[in-house]
C-alpha atoms as a PDB file:
ATOM      1  CA  MET A   1      46.696  38.341  -5.995  1.00  0.00           C
ATOM      2  CA  LYS A   2      49.795  37.208  -7.817  1.00  0.00           C
ATOM      3  CA  GLY A   3      53.314  38.117  -6.801  1.00  0.00           C
ATOM      4  CA  TYR A   4      55.402  37.823  -3.692  1.00  0.00           C
ATOM      5  CA  TYR A   5      53.591  38.981  -0.574  1.00  0.00           C
ATOM      6  CA  GLU A   6      55.404  40.066   2.560  1.00  0.00           C
ATOM      7  CA  ILE A   7      54.384  38.074   5.641  1.00  0.00           C
ATOM      8  CA  LEU A   8      53.882  40.080   8.826  1.00  0.00           C
ATOM      9  CA  LEU A   9      53.317  38.332  12.156  1.00  0.00           C
ATOM     10  CA  ALA A  10      51.148  39.945  14.822  1.00  0.00           C
ATOM     11  CA  ALA A  11      52.326  39.492  18.420  1.00  0.00           C
ATOM     12  CA  PRO A  12      49.766  36.749  19.264  1.00  0.00           C
ATOM     13  CA  ALA A  13      50.923  34.735  16.232  1.00  0.00           C
ATOM     14  CA  VAL A  14      54.569  35.072  17.250  1.00  0.00           C
ATOM     15  CA  GLY A  15      53.746  33.874  20.772  1.00  0.00           C
ATOM     16  CA  GLU A  16      51.890  30.816  19.510  1.00  0.00           C
ATOM     17  CA  ILE A  17      54.647  29.883  17.047  1.00  0.00           C
ATOM     18  CA  ARG A  18      57.150  30.152  19.909  1.00  0.00           C
ATOM     19  CA  ALA A  19      54.944  27.898  22.047  1.00  0.00           C
ATOM     20  CA  ILE A  20      54.711  25.355  19.222  1.00  0.00           C
ATOM     21  CA  HIS A  21      58.487  25.541  18.773  1.00  0.00           C
ATOM     22  CA  ALA A  22      59.048  24.834  22.473  1.00  0.00           C
ATOM     23  CA  HIS A  23      57.206  21.499  22.151  1.00  0.00           C
ATOM     24  CA  ASP A  24      57.830  20.609  18.522  1.00  0.00           C
ATOM     25  CA  PRO A  25      60.493  22.555  16.592  1.00  0.00           C
ATOM     26  CA  VAL A  26      59.774  20.585  13.402  1.00  0.00           C
ATOM     27  CA  ALA A  27      56.091  21.600  13.486  1.00  0.00           C
ATOM     28  CA  ALA A  28      57.033  25.247  14.041  1.00  0.00           C
ATOM     29  CA  LYS A  29      59.407  25.111  11.066  1.00  0.00           C
ATOM     30  CA  HIS A  30      56.630  23.575   8.965  1.00  0.00           C
ATOM     31  CA  VAL A  31      54.304  26.470   9.877  1.00  0.00           C
ATOM     32  CA  ILE A  32      56.927  29.064   8.932  1.00  0.00           C
ATOM     33  CA  ASP A  33      57.807  27.236   5.690  1.00  0.00           C
ATOM     34  CA  SER A  34      54.122  26.980   4.785  1.00  0.00           C
ATOM     35  CA  LEU A  35      53.615  30.701   5.391  1.00  0.00           C
ATOM     36  CA  GLU A  36      56.590  31.404   3.162  1.00  0.00           C
ATOM     37  CA  TYR A  37      55.067  29.243   0.413  1.00  0.00           C
ATOM     38  CA  LEU A  38      51.682  30.898   0.889  1.00  0.00           C
ATOM     39  CA  SER A  39      53.280  34.320   0.440  1.00  0.00           C
ATOM     40  CA  THR A  40      54.352  33.375  -3.077  1.00  0.00           C
ATOM     41  CA  ASP A  41      51.013  31.942  -4.226  1.00  0.00           C
ATOM     42  CA  LEU A  42      47.901  33.301  -2.553  1.00  0.00           C
ATOM     43  CA  GLU A  43      45.803  31.715  -5.303  1.00  0.00           C
ATOM     44  CA  SER A  44      46.998  28.190  -4.464  1.00  0.00           C
ATOM     45  CA  GLY A  45      43.686  27.384  -2.789  1.00  0.00           C
ATOM     46  CA  ALA A  46      45.220  27.238   0.685  1.00  0.00           C
ATOM     47  CA  LEU A  47      43.221  30.249   1.881  1.00  0.00           C
ATOM     48  CA  ARG A  48      39.541  29.972   2.834  1.00  0.00           C
ATOM     49  CA  ALA A  49      37.634  33.249   2.857  1.00  0.00           C
ATOM     50  CA  ILE A  50      36.006  34.317   6.109  1.00  0.00           C
ATOM     51  CA  ASP A  51      35.189  37.835   4.904  1.00  0.00           C
ATOM     52  CA  GLU A  52      36.722  38.421   1.504  1.00  0.00           C
ATOM     53  CA  GLY A  53      35.642  42.059   1.439  1.00  0.00           C
ATOM     54  CA  ALA A  54      37.567  42.716   4.641  1.00  0.00           C
ATOM     55  CA  GLY A  55      40.480  40.559   3.488  1.00  0.00           C
ATOM     56  CA  LEU A  56      40.110  37.955   6.266  1.00  0.00           C
ATOM     57  CA  PHE A  57      41.116  34.402   5.428  1.00  0.00           C
ATOM     58  CA  LYS A  58      42.007  31.163   7.211  1.00  0.00           C
ATOM     59  CA  ALA A  59      44.563  28.595   6.183  1.00  0.00           C
ATOM     60  CA  ALA A  60      45.216  25.135   7.595  1.00  0.00           C
ATOM     61  CA  VAL A  61      48.823  24.045   8.032  1.00  0.00           C
ATOM     62  CA  GLY A  62      48.841  20.490   9.355  1.00  0.00           C
ATOM     63  CA  ASP A  63      47.124  20.650  12.736  1.00  0.00           C
ATOM     64  CA  VAL A  64      47.532  24.436  12.895  1.00  0.00           C
ATOM     65  CA  GLU A  65      45.027  27.030  11.706  1.00  0.00           C
ATOM     66  CA  VAL A  66      46.190  30.506  10.701  1.00  0.00           C
ATOM     67  CA  LEU A  67      43.972  33.610  10.578  1.00  0.00           C
ATOM     68  CA  CYS A  68      45.279  36.090   7.993  1.00  0.00           C
ATOM     69  CA  TRP A  69      44.462  39.576   6.828  1.00  0.00           C
ATOM     70  CA  VAL A  70      45.414  39.945   3.167  1.00  0.00           C
ATOM     71  CA  ARG A  71      46.253  43.488   2.092  1.00  0.00           C
ATOM     72  CA  PRO A  72      46.721  43.382  -1.695  1.00  0.00           C
ATOM     73  CA  GLU A  73      47.430  47.108  -2.028  1.00  0.00           C
ATOM     74  CA  GLU A  74      50.433  46.782   0.301  1.00  0.00           C
ATOM     75  CA  MET A  75      51.350  43.311  -1.055  1.00  0.00           C
ATOM     76  CA  ASN A  76      51.389  41.812   2.444  1.00  0.00           C
ATOM     77  CA  VAL A  77      49.645  39.206   4.551  1.00  0.00           C
ATOM     78  CA  VAL A  78      49.280  39.876   8.257  1.00  0.00           C
ATOM     79  CA  VAL A  79      49.123  36.669  10.293  1.00  0.00           C
ATOM     80  CA  LEU A  80      46.794  37.651  13.121  1.00  0.00           C
ATOM     81  CA  THR A  81      46.583  34.384  15.047  1.00  0.00           C
ATOM     82  CA  VAL A  82      47.949  30.870  14.933  1.00  0.00           C
ATOM     83  CA  SER A  83      46.023  28.174  16.771  1.00  0.00           C
ATOM     84  CA  ARG A  84      46.820  24.536  17.176  1.00  0.00           C
ATOM     85  CA  HIS A  85      43.962  22.047  16.931  1.00  0.00           C
ATOM     86  CA  ARG A  86      43.650  20.147  20.156  1.00  0.00           C
ATOM     87  CA  GLN A  87      43.905  16.399  19.884  1.00  0.00           C
ATOM     88  CA  PRO A  88      41.058  14.514  21.603  1.00  0.00           C
ATOM     89  CA  ALA A  89      42.126  12.612  24.702  1.00  0.00           C
END
């Protein structure tokens, strides 16, 4: 899975990144920067397989978890969801 992969954001992921940006623009930038880095090196170890056969992977970016669908034939990664870990009260 070497090479530059295009990152595609599904609507739920866009909405969550916008919500993160509303409260913490620096965190939102970190998520976007991390996705950009991930797109250049899928073998970096950042992805954890959920169902490798189906191409489903998770990646942790700080306190944010990203669910991705890797499509090697199309050289793209679809970010399906972005979820922020809730801090205990």
